[in-house]
Amino acid sequence: MLVHALIREDGTVGADELYTVANTLGMSDQQVRLCVKRLVAEGRFTHEGRGRKAQLHATPDTTRALAPNADFLRHAFQQDAGTAPWDGVWHLAAFAVPESARTARDTLRETLVHLGGAPLQGGLYVCANAWEPYVEEAAHRLGAHGALTLLSATDLRRGDTQEPAELARQLWPLQEIADRYHRLGRVARPRLARLKGPAELSSSALLTIAVELAAELTRAMDPDPLLPPQLLPRPWPGTRAREHIARCWAALYERERDRDQSEARPALFRLYADITREAAAAWTGSG
């Protein structure tokens, strides 16, 4: 998460910046070196130079991997603003991958859960959002597209339960997800106060705040199926926590904009700033 958060718009990560922020977060140089070594060995980055003068270069696959997460965050803000109402359609995916392709089967199962799916029974998953493009992309990549069946329904029952909000409560761990958003709010609020305050903040301090926020946002959103508001308890802590995050990123972007523009800034700043600006416009329009 730390390395990904520091990827600049030109696809590089400066080792000096990486070590400085890592040290501020309580990580040792040895931890950073081992992490970099693993990322290079996995083919996610290439490495040039030595020590703190080195640079990492993100591979195209690493850069592309950030895009779906941006899509999900954008959708979450649209839900918060009331501009992505639920149409009452459940989206289902079923697969029957043989034991000989166990790795592909397990990866597809994990992908469906990551995309917001919940298991109904063996090999059958349900989602409240239109996930078909993401599911098909994953199935093609895993060589399992021929074993995949996609369908949608407006009438879903599980046992005697048919009411959509009650189905959601049974199928997804909503309390656990809510607790993660409460934690995100607790992390975001004091950092927002620092960002809006009068004190000067160094480049490394801003990057540290950005990494802390990105890590907690990922912790909260990775297990979140992004259920439509109609299916969630009210008030839903995710809405308030994302509002704090949006304000933090707007403040970070303003602080960064005052820096030397010849410096390459982390792509995360522009990506999240663009999404939060869209969110602010949506909130204004819906209000």
C-alpha atoms as a PDB file:
ATOM      1  CA  MET A   1       0.000   0.000   0.000  1.00  0.00           C
ATOM      2  CA  LEU A   2       2.827   2.395   0.890  1.00  0.00           C
ATOM      3  CA  VAL A   3       4.666   1.825  -2.393  1.00  0.00           C
ATOM      4  CA  HIS A   4       1.482   2.034  -4.464  1.00  0.00           C
ATOM      5  CA  ALA A   5       0.450   5.256  -2.729  1.00  0.00           C
ATOM      6  CA  LEU A   6       3.745   6.897  -3.698  1.00  0.00           C
ATOM      7  CA  ILE A   7       3.609   6.073  -7.423  1.00  0.00           C
ATOM      8  CA  ARG A   8       4.072   9.381  -9.208  1.00  0.00           C
ATOM      9  CA  GLU A   9       2.208  10.443 -12.319  1.00  0.00           C
ATOM     10  CA  ASP A  10       5.226   9.356 -14.396  1.00  0.00           C
ATOM     11  CA  GLY A  11       5.026   5.830 -12.919  1.00  0.00           C
ATOM     12  CA  THR A  12       8.084   6.132 -10.671  1.00  0.00           C
ATOM     13  CA  VAL A  13       8.628   5.859  -6.927  1.00  0.00           C
ATOM     14  CA  GLY A  14      11.635   7.638  -5.419  1.00  0.00           C
ATOM     15  CA  ALA A  15      13.473   5.513  -2.871  1.00  0.00           C
ATOM     16  CA  ASP A  16      14.371   8.505  -0.688  1.00  0.00           C
ATOM     17  CA  GLU A  17      10.709   9.510  -0.464  1.00  0.00           C
ATOM     18  CA  LEU A  18       9.724   5.910   0.180  1.00  0.00           C
ATOM     19  CA  TYR A  19      12.208   5.439   3.051  1.00  0.00           C
ATOM     20  CA  THR A  20      11.354   8.811   4.600  1.00  0.00           C
ATOM     21  CA  VAL A  21       7.604   8.163   4.703  1.00  0.00           C
ATOM     22  CA  ALA A  22       8.119   4.557   5.837  1.00  0.00           C
ATOM     23  CA  ASN A  23      10.313   5.704   8.730  1.00  0.00           C
ATOM     24  CA  THR A  24       7.686   8.273   9.747  1.00  0.00           C
ATOM     25  CA  LEU A  25       5.121   5.463   9.830  1.00  0.00           C
ATOM     26  CA  GLY A  26       7.382   3.371  12.072  1.00  0.00           C
ATOM     27  CA  MET A  27       8.729   1.004   9.406  1.00  0.00           C
ATOM     28  CA  SER A  28      12.394   0.064   9.306  1.00  0.00           C
ATOM     29  CA  ASP A  29      14.693   0.388   6.293  1.00  0.00           C
ATOM     30  CA  GLN A  30      15.003  -3.401   6.291  1.00  0.00           C
ATOM     31  CA  GLN A  31      11.227  -3.769   5.934  1.00  0.00           C
ATOM     32  CA  VAL A  32      11.259  -1.406   2.972  1.00  0.00           C
ATOM     33  CA  ARG A  33      14.164  -3.218   1.302  1.00  0.00           C
ATOM     34  CA  LEU A  34      12.419  -6.595   1.659  1.00  0.00           C
ATOM     35  CA  CYS A  35       9.165  -5.166   0.319  1.00  0.00           C
ATOM     36  CA  VAL A  36      10.909  -3.635  -2.700  1.00  0.00           C
ATOM     37  CA  LYS A  37      12.768  -6.885  -3.359  1.00  0.00           C
ATOM     38  CA  ARG A  38       9.514  -8.830  -3.293  1.00  0.00           C
ATOM     39  CA  LEU A  39       7.676  -6.359  -5.566  1.00  0.00           C
ATOM     40  CA  VAL A  40      10.492  -6.522  -8.116  1.00  0.00           C
ATOM     41  CA  ALA A  41      10.617 -10.337  -7.928  1.00  0.00           C
ATOM     42  CA  GLU A  42       6.846 -10.463  -8.538  1.00  0.00           C
ATOM     43  CA  GLY A  43       7.253  -8.304 -11.655  1.00  0.00           C
ATOM     44  CA  ARG A  44       5.213  -5.403 -10.291  1.00  0.00           C
ATOM     45  CA  PHE A  45       8.094  -2.932 -10.443  1.00  0.00           C
ATOM     46  CA  THR A  46      11.521  -2.601 -12.007  1.00  0.00           C
ATOM     47  CA  HIS A  47      14.426  -1.187  -9.983  1.00  0.00           C
ATOM     48  CA  GLU A  48      17.103   1.290 -11.033  1.00  0.00           C
ATOM     49  CA  GLY A  49      19.971   2.590  -8.867  1.00  0.00           C
ATOM     50  CA  ARG A  50      20.999   1.855  -5.317  1.00  0.00           C
ATOM     51  CA  GLY A  51      20.023   2.952  -1.819  1.00  0.00           C
ATOM     52  CA  ARG A  52      18.054   6.143  -1.343  1.00  0.00           C
ATOM     53  CA  LYS A  53      18.992   7.368  -4.822  1.00  0.00           C
ATOM     54  CA  ALA A  54      17.213   4.452  -6.474  1.00  0.00           C
ATOM     55  CA  GLN A  55      13.952   4.624  -8.360  1.00  0.00           C
ATOM     56  CA  LEU A  56      11.212   2.067  -8.828  1.00  0.00           C
ATOM     57  CA  HIS A  57       9.235   1.976 -12.056  1.00  0.00           C
ATOM     58  CA  ALA A  58       5.693   0.582 -11.958  1.00  0.00           C
ATOM     59  CA  THR A  59       4.938  -1.957 -14.671  1.00  0.00           C
ATOM     60  CA  PRO A  60       1.877  -1.412 -16.902  1.00  0.00           C
ATOM     61  CA  ASP A  61       0.003  -4.184 -15.065  1.00  0.00           C
ATOM     62  CA  THR A  62       0.610  -2.465 -11.727  1.00  0.00           C
ATOM     63  CA  THR A  63      -0.656   0.855 -13.070  1.00  0.00           C
ATOM     64  CA  ARG A  64      -3.747  -0.770 -14.607  1.00  0.00           C
ATOM     65  CA  ALA A  65      -4.545  -2.554 -11.325  1.00  0.00           C
ATOM     66  CA  LEU A  66      -5.263   0.805  -9.675  1.00  0.00           C
ATOM     67  CA  ALA A  67      -8.099   1.661 -12.090  1.00  0.00           C
ATOM     68  CA  PRO A  68     -10.862  -0.706 -10.816  1.00  0.00           C
ATOM     69  CA  ASN A  69     -10.404   0.578  -7.261  1.00  0.00           C
ATOM     70  CA  ALA A  70     -10.938   4.104  -8.575  1.00  0.00           C
ATOM     71  CA  ASP A  71     -14.138   2.915 -10.290  1.00  0.00           C
ATOM     72  CA  PHE A  72     -15.457   1.471  -7.028  1.00  0.00           C
ATOM     73  CA  LEU A  73     -14.618   4.613  -5.034  1.00  0.00           C
ATOM     74  CA  ARG A  74     -16.324   6.762  -7.659  1.00  0.00           C
ATOM     75  CA  HIS A  75     -19.417   4.539  -7.485  1.00  0.00           C
ATOM     76  CA  ALA A  76     -19.455   4.748  -3.680  1.00  0.00           C
ATOM     77  CA  PHE A  77     -19.486   8.548  -3.803  1.00  0.00           C
ATOM     78  CA  GLN A  78     -22.282   8.448  -6.385  1.00  0.00           C
ATOM     79  CA  GLN A  79     -24.300   6.258  -4.028  1.00  0.00           C
ATOM     80  CA  ASP A  80     -23.627   8.672  -1.163  1.00  0.00           C
ATOM     81  CA  ALA A  81     -24.877  11.554  -3.302  1.00  0.00           C
ATOM     82  CA  GLY A  82     -28.028   9.664  -4.301  1.00  0.00           C
ATOM     83  CA  THR A  83     -27.115   9.689  -7.996  1.00  0.00           C
ATOM     84  CA  ALA A  84     -26.802   5.877  -8.307  1.00  0.00           C
ATOM     85  CA  PRO A  85     -30.130   4.533  -6.974  1.00  0.00           C
ATOM     86  CA  TRP A  86     -30.761   0.804  -6.928  1.00  0.00           C
ATOM     87  CA  ASP A  87     -32.993  -0.511  -9.701  1.00  0.00           C
ATOM     88  CA  GLY A  88     -34.069  -3.565  -7.686  1.00  0.00           C
ATOM     89  CA  VAL A  89     -32.016  -5.964  -9.814  1.00  0.00           C
ATOM     90  CA  TRP A  90     -29.848  -8.676  -8.276  1.00  0.00           C
ATOM     91  CA  HIS A  91     -26.867  -9.783 -10.375  1.00  0.00           C
ATOM     92  CA  LEU A  92     -25.831 -13.421 -10.097  1.00  0.00           C
ATOM     93  CA  ALA A  93     -22.797 -15.380 -11.231  1.00  0.00           C
ATOM     94  CA  ALA A  94     -22.436 -19.150 -11.202  1.00  0.00           C
ATOM     95  CA  PHE A  95     -19.435 -21.253 -12.137  1.00  0.00           C
ATOM     96  CA  ALA A  96     -18.415 -24.891 -12.207  1.00  0.00           C
ATOM     97  CA  VAL A  97     -14.640 -25.074 -12.580  1.00  0.00           C
ATOM     98  CA  PRO A  98     -13.185 -28.608 -12.352  1.00  0.00           C
ATOM     99  CA  GLU A  99     -10.795 -29.737  -9.623  1.00  0.00           C
ATOM    100  CA  SER A 100      -7.991 -29.882 -12.209  1.00  0.00           C
ATOM    101  CA  ALA A 101      -8.188 -26.070 -12.408  1.00  0.00           C
ATOM    102  CA  ARG A 102      -8.369 -25.528  -8.653  1.00  0.00           C
ATOM    103  CA  THR A 103      -6.197 -22.395  -8.662  1.00  0.00           C
ATOM    104  CA  ALA A 104      -8.411 -20.687 -11.253  1.00  0.00           C
ATOM    105  CA  ARG A 105     -11.516 -21.753  -9.338  1.00  0.00           C
ATOM    106  CA  ASP A 106     -10.243 -20.410  -6.020  1.00  0.00           C
ATOM    107  CA  THR A 107      -9.066 -17.163  -7.597  1.00  0.00           C
ATOM    108  CA  LEU A 108     -12.406 -16.648  -9.324  1.00  0.00           C
ATOM    109  CA  ARG A 109     -14.220 -17.251  -6.021  1.00  0.00           C
ATOM    110  CA  GLU A 110     -12.004 -14.703  -4.263  1.00  0.00           C
ATOM    111  CA  THR A 111     -12.535 -12.221  -7.089  1.00  0.00           C
ATOM    112  CA  LEU A 112     -16.316 -12.500  -6.844  1.00  0.00           C
ATOM    113  CA  VAL A 113     -16.178 -11.760  -3.118  1.00  0.00           C
ATOM    114  CA  HIS A 114     -13.794  -8.847  -3.721  1.00  0.00           C
ATOM    115  CA  LEU A 115     -16.246  -7.451  -6.281  1.00  0.00           C
ATOM    116  CA  GLY A 116     -19.020  -7.434  -3.682  1.00  0.00           C
ATOM    117  CA  GLY A 117     -20.516 -10.872  -4.165  1.00  0.00           C
ATOM    118  CA  ALA A 118     -21.961 -13.066  -1.440  1.00  0.00           C
ATOM    119  CA  PRO A 119     -22.310 -16.853  -1.714  1.00  0.00           C
ATOM    120  CA  LEU A 120     -25.853 -18.189  -1.986  1.00  0.00           C
ATOM    121  CA  GLN A 121     -24.757 -21.817  -2.327  1.00  0.00           C
ATOM    122  CA  GLY A 122     -21.906 -23.752  -3.905  1.00  0.00           C
ATOM    123  CA  GLY A 123     -20.638 -21.881  -6.965  1.00  0.00           C
ATOM    124  CA  LEU A 124     -23.453 -19.299  -6.969  1.00  0.00           C
ATOM    125  CA  TYR A 125     -22.838 -15.674  -5.932  1.00  0.00           C
ATOM    126  CA  VAL A 126     -25.040 -12.599  -5.817  1.00  0.00           C
ATOM    127  CA  CYS A 127     -24.251  -8.887  -6.046  1.00  0.00           C
ATOM    128  CA  ALA A 128     -26.492  -5.819  -5.859  1.00  0.00           C
ATOM    129  CA  ASN A 129     -24.453  -3.926  -8.485  1.00  0.00           C
ATOM    130  CA  ALA A 130     -23.887  -4.502 -12.199  1.00  0.00           C
ATOM    131  CA  TRP A 131     -20.590  -6.367 -11.896  1.00  0.00           C
ATOM    132  CA  GLU A 132     -20.676  -8.284 -15.181  1.00  0.00           C
ATOM    133  CA  PRO A 133     -17.763  -6.508 -16.976  1.00  0.00           C
ATOM    134  CA  TYR A 134     -15.437  -7.079 -14.013  1.00  0.00           C
ATOM    135  CA  VAL A 135     -16.525 -10.708 -13.557  1.00  0.00           C
ATOM    136  CA  GLU A 136     -16.086 -11.514 -17.235  1.00  0.00           C
ATOM    137  CA  GLU A 137     -12.671  -9.849 -17.372  1.00  0.00           C
ATOM    138  CA  ALA A 138     -11.514 -11.967 -14.423  1.00  0.00           C
ATOM    139  CA  ALA A 139     -12.968 -15.172 -15.896  1.00  0.00           C
ATOM    140  CA  HIS A 140     -11.274 -14.537 -19.251  1.00  0.00           C
ATOM    141  CA  ARG A 141      -7.959 -13.822 -17.512  1.00  0.00           C
ATOM    142  CA  LEU A 142      -8.239 -17.091 -15.541  1.00  0.00           C
ATOM    143  CA  GLY A 143      -9.296 -19.162 -18.545  1.00  0.00           C
ATOM    144  CA  ALA A 144     -12.640 -19.945 -16.886  1.00  0.00           C
ATOM    145  CA  HIS A 145     -15.048 -17.911 -19.016  1.00  0.00           C
ATOM    146  CA  GLY A 146     -16.591 -21.027 -20.556  1.00  0.00           C
ATOM    147  CA  ALA A 147     -17.556 -22.238 -17.072  1.00  0.00           C
ATOM    148  CA  LEU A 148     -19.227 -18.954 -16.096  1.00  0.00           C
ATOM    149  CA  THR A 149     -22.985 -18.257 -16.144  1.00  0.00           C
ATOM    150  CA  LEU A 150     -24.353 -14.750 -15.587  1.00  0.00           C
ATOM    151  CA  LEU A 151     -27.970 -13.859 -14.893  1.00  0.00           C
ATOM    152  CA  SER A 152     -30.062 -11.212 -13.181  1.00  0.00           C
ATOM    153  CA  ALA A 153     -33.311 -11.309 -11.233  1.00  0.00           C
ATOM    154  CA  THR A 154     -35.708  -9.022  -9.421  1.00  0.00           C
ATOM    155  CA  ASP A 155     -37.192 -11.837  -7.338  1.00  0.00           C
ATOM    156  CA  LEU A 156     -34.611 -13.309  -4.974  1.00  0.00           C
ATOM    157  CA  ARG A 157     -35.534 -15.504  -2.013  1.00  0.00           C
ATOM    158  CA  ARG A 158     -33.450 -17.338   0.506  1.00  0.00           C
ATOM    159  CA  GLY A 159     -35.531 -19.675   2.580  1.00  0.00           C
ATOM    160  CA  ASP A 160     -38.470 -17.544   3.693  1.00  0.00           C
ATOM    161  CA  THR A 161     -36.585 -14.264   3.316  1.00  0.00           C
ATOM    162  CA  GLN A 162     -37.422 -12.088   0.335  1.00  0.00           C
ATOM    163  CA  GLU A 163     -37.305  -8.487   1.618  1.00  0.00           C
ATOM    164  CA  PRO A 164     -34.137  -6.959   0.024  1.00  0.00           C
ATOM    165  CA  ALA A 165     -32.744  -5.179   3.118  1.00  0.00           C
ATOM    166  CA  GLU A 166     -33.203  -8.313   5.233  1.00  0.00           C
ATOM    167  CA  LEU A 167     -31.509 -10.397   2.535  1.00  0.00           C
ATOM    168  CA  ALA A 168     -28.592  -7.969   2.581  1.00  0.00           C
ATOM    169  CA  ARG A 169     -28.332  -8.243   6.370  1.00  0.00           C
ATOM    170  CA  GLN A 170     -28.162 -12.038   6.130  1.00  0.00           C
ATOM    171  CA  LEU A 171     -25.769 -12.236   3.197  1.00  0.00           C
ATOM    172  CA  TRP A 172     -23.124  -9.626   4.070  1.00  0.00           C
ATOM    173  CA  PRO A 173     -21.281  -8.879   7.376  1.00  0.00           C
ATOM    174  CA  LEU A 174     -22.676  -5.365   7.676  1.00  0.00           C
ATOM    175  CA  GLN A 175     -21.637  -4.771  11.296  1.00  0.00           C
ATOM    176  CA  GLU A 176     -18.022  -5.684  10.570  1.00  0.00           C
ATOM    177  CA  ILE A 177     -18.024  -3.366   7.551  1.00  0.00           C
ATOM    178  CA  ALA A 178     -19.604  -0.560   9.607  1.00  0.00           C
ATOM    179  CA  ASP A 179     -16.917  -0.960  12.286  1.00  0.00           C
ATOM    180  CA  ARG A 180     -14.216  -0.465   9.661  1.00  0.00           C
ATOM    181  CA  TYR A 181     -15.837   2.778   8.552  1.00  0.00           C
ATOM    182  CA  HIS A 182     -16.055   3.993  12.152  1.00  0.00           C
ATOM    183  CA  ARG A 183     -12.295   3.396  12.349  1.00  0.00           C
ATOM    184  CA  LEU A 184     -11.779   5.260   9.057  1.00  0.00           C
ATOM    185  CA  GLY A 185     -13.669   8.239  10.459  1.00  0.00           C
ATOM    186  CA  ARG A 186     -11.528   8.219  13.592  1.00  0.00           C
ATOM    187  CA  VAL A 187      -8.381   8.286  11.441  1.00  0.00           C
ATOM    188  CA  ALA A 188      -9.648  10.931   9.000  1.00  0.00           C
ATOM    189  CA  ARG A 189     -10.978  13.549  11.429  1.00  0.00           C
ATOM    190  CA  PRO A 190      -7.709  14.535  13.180  1.00  0.00           C
ATOM    191  CA  ARG A 191      -5.836  14.526   9.873  1.00  0.00           C
ATOM    192  CA  LEU A 192      -8.445  16.783   8.332  1.00  0.00           C
ATOM    193  CA  ALA A 193      -7.949  19.168  11.265  1.00  0.00           C
ATOM    194  CA  ARG A 194      -4.187  19.207  10.574  1.00  0.00           C
ATOM    195  CA  LEU A 195      -4.683  19.773   6.863  1.00  0.00           C
ATOM    196  CA  LYS A 196      -7.136  22.638   7.422  1.00  0.00           C
ATOM    197  CA  GLY A 197      -5.038  24.172  10.188  1.00  0.00           C
ATOM    198  CA  PRO A 198      -2.563  27.060   9.856  1.00  0.00           C
ATOM    199  CA  ALA A 199       0.627  25.046  10.473  1.00  0.00           C
ATOM    200  CA  GLU A 200       3.002  24.397   7.589  1.00  0.00           C
ATOM    201  CA  LEU A 201       3.305  20.738   6.594  1.00  0.00           C
ATOM    202  CA  SER A 202       6.363  19.343   4.870  1.00  0.00           C
ATOM    203  CA  SER A 203       6.202  17.249   1.734  1.00  0.00           C
ATOM    204  CA  SER A 204       6.963  14.085   3.733  1.00  0.00           C
ATOM    205  CA  ALA A 205       4.229  14.984   6.266  1.00  0.00           C
ATOM    206  CA  LEU A 206       1.681  15.368   3.459  1.00  0.00           C
ATOM    207  CA  LEU A 207       2.751  12.080   1.906  1.00  0.00           C
ATOM    208  CA  THR A 208       2.517  10.352   5.282  1.00  0.00           C
ATOM    209  CA  ILE A 209      -1.042  11.620   5.775  1.00  0.00           C
ATOM    210  CA  ALA A 210      -1.911  10.492   2.252  1.00  0.00           C
ATOM    211  CA  VAL A 211      -0.589   6.980   2.879  1.00  0.00           C
ATOM    212  CA  GLU A 212      -2.378   6.715   6.241  1.00  0.00           C
ATOM    213  CA  LEU A 213      -5.676   7.774   4.660  1.00  0.00           C
ATOM    214  CA  ALA A 214      -5.242   5.508   1.632  1.00  0.00           C
ATOM    215  CA  ALA A 215      -4.418   2.520   3.836  1.00  0.00           C
ATOM    216  CA  GLU A 216      -7.466   3.011   6.063  1.00  0.00           C
ATOM    217  CA  LEU A 217      -9.713   3.662   3.075  1.00  0.00           C
ATOM    218  CA  THR A 218      -8.515   0.415   1.518  1.00  0.00           C
ATOM    219  CA  ARG A 219      -9.059  -1.426   4.806  1.00  0.00           C
ATOM    220  CA  ALA A 220     -12.644  -0.155   4.923  1.00  0.00           C
ATOM    221  CA  MET A 221     -13.589  -0.521   1.274  1.00  0.00           C
ATOM    222  CA  ASP A 222     -11.945  -3.793   0.257  1.00  0.00           C
ATOM    223  CA  PRO A 223     -14.553  -5.922   2.098  1.00  0.00           C
ATOM    224  CA  ASP A 224     -17.418  -3.486   1.337  1.00  0.00           C
ATOM    225  CA  PRO A 225     -19.870  -4.813  -1.299  1.00  0.00           C
ATOM    226  CA  LEU A 226     -21.035  -1.200  -1.859  1.00  0.00           C
ATOM    227  CA  LEU A 227     -24.655  -2.106  -1.332  1.00  0.00           C
ATOM    228  CA  PRO A 228     -27.129   0.543  -2.477  1.00  0.00           C
ATOM    229  CA  PRO A 229     -28.316   2.834   0.345  1.00  0.00           C
ATOM    230  CA  GLN A 230     -31.775   1.251   0.120  1.00  0.00           C
ATOM    231  CA  LEU A 231     -30.290  -2.004   1.453  1.00  0.00           C
ATOM    232  CA  LEU A 232     -28.243  -0.523   4.316  1.00  0.00           C
ATOM    233  CA  PRO A 233     -29.047   0.459   7.899  1.00  0.00           C
ATOM    234  CA  ARG A 234     -29.509   4.183   8.458  1.00  0.00           C
ATOM    235  CA  PRO A 235     -27.441   6.116   9.196  1.00  0.00           C
ATOM    236  CA  TRP A 236     -24.670   4.246   7.409  1.00  0.00           C
ATOM    237  CA  PRO A 237     -21.173   5.152   8.737  1.00  0.00           C
ATOM    238  CA  GLY A 238     -19.583   4.651   5.332  1.00  0.00           C
ATOM    239  CA  THR A 239     -21.303   7.756   3.987  1.00  0.00           C
ATOM    240  CA  ARG A 240     -19.940  10.011   6.726  1.00  0.00           C
ATOM    241  CA  ALA A 241     -16.468   8.448   6.630  1.00  0.00           C
ATOM    242  CA  ARG A 242     -16.177   8.948   2.869  1.00  0.00           C
ATOM    243  CA  GLU A 243     -17.268  12.562   3.282  1.00  0.00           C
ATOM    244  CA  HIS A 244     -14.352  13.072   5.697  1.00  0.00           C
ATOM    245  CA  ILE A 245     -12.022  11.356   3.230  1.00  0.00           C
ATOM    246  CA  ALA A 246     -13.239  13.585   0.394  1.00  0.00           C
ATOM    247  CA  ARG A 247     -12.554  16.688   2.458  1.00  0.00           C
ATOM    248  CA  CYS A 248      -9.107  15.364   3.398  1.00  0.00           C
ATOM    249  CA  TRP A 249      -8.173  14.742  -0.205  1.00  0.00           C
ATOM    250  CA  ALA A 250      -9.425  18.152  -1.279  1.00  0.00           C
ATOM    251  CA  ALA A 251      -7.257  19.731   1.426  1.00  0.00           C
ATOM    252  CA  LEU A 252      -4.269  17.567   0.441  1.00  0.00           C
ATOM    253  CA  TYR A 253      -4.646  18.590  -3.173  1.00  0.00           C
ATOM    254  CA  GLU A 254      -4.760  22.264  -2.209  1.00  0.00           C
ATOM    255  CA  ARG A 255      -1.618  21.870  -0.107  1.00  0.00           C
ATOM    256  CA  GLU A 256       0.153  20.006  -2.900  1.00  0.00           C
ATOM    257  CA  ARG A 257      -0.877  22.601  -5.481  1.00  0.00           C
ATOM    258  CA  ASP A 258       1.142  25.210  -3.595  1.00  0.00           C
ATOM    259  CA  ARG A 259       4.321  23.155  -3.933  1.00  0.00           C
ATOM    260  CA  ASP A 260       6.900  23.379  -6.712  1.00  0.00           C
ATOM    261  CA  GLN A 261       4.997  22.226  -9.793  1.00  0.00           C
ATOM    262  CA  SER A 262       8.216  20.907 -11.371  1.00  0.00           C
ATOM    263  CA  GLU A 263       8.100  18.017  -8.896  1.00  0.00           C
ATOM    264  CA  ALA A 264       6.264  14.871  -9.975  1.00  0.00           C
ATOM    265  CA  ARG A 265       3.449  14.321  -7.497  1.00  0.00           C
ATOM    266  CA  PRO A 266       1.969  10.946  -6.507  1.00  0.00           C
ATOM    267  CA  ALA A 267      -0.722   9.862  -8.978  1.00  0.00           C
ATOM    268  CA  LEU A 268      -2.901   9.148  -5.941  1.00  0.00           C
ATOM    269  CA  PHE A 269      -3.272  12.887  -5.328  1.00  0.00           C
ATOM    270  CA  ARG A 270      -4.712  13.578  -8.790  1.00  0.00           C
ATOM    271  CA  LEU A 271      -6.778  10.367  -8.911  1.00  0.00           C
ATOM    272  CA  TYR A 272      -8.485  10.904  -5.545  1.00  0.00           C
ATOM    273  CA  ALA A 273      -8.738  14.676  -6.036  1.00  0.00           C
ATOM    274  CA  ASP A 274     -10.566  14.147  -9.343  1.00  0.00           C
ATOM    275  CA  ILE A 275     -12.968  11.654  -7.776  1.00  0.00           C
ATOM    276  CA  THR A 276     -13.662  13.838  -4.751  1.00  0.00           C
ATOM    277  CA  ARG A 277     -14.271  16.880  -6.949  1.00  0.00           C
ATOM    278  CA  GLU A 278     -16.826  14.831  -8.866  1.00  0.00           C
ATOM    279  CA  ALA A 279     -18.357  13.809  -5.550  1.00  0.00           C
ATOM    280  CA  ALA A 280     -18.563  17.425  -4.350  1.00  0.00           C
ATOM    281  CA  ALA A 281     -20.301  18.424  -7.581  1.00  0.00           C
ATOM    282  CA  ALA A 282     -22.744  15.529  -7.188  1.00  0.00           C
ATOM    283  CA  TRP A 283     -23.483  16.472  -3.565  1.00  0.00           C
ATOM    284  CA  THR A 284     -24.157  20.077  -4.646  1.00  0.00           C
ATOM    285  CA  GLY A 285     -26.392  18.967  -7.478  1.00  0.00           C
ATOM    286  CA  SER A 286     -28.350  16.520  -5.346  1.00  0.00           C
ATOM    287  CA  GLY A 287     -28.756  19.128  -2.620  1.00  0.00           C
END
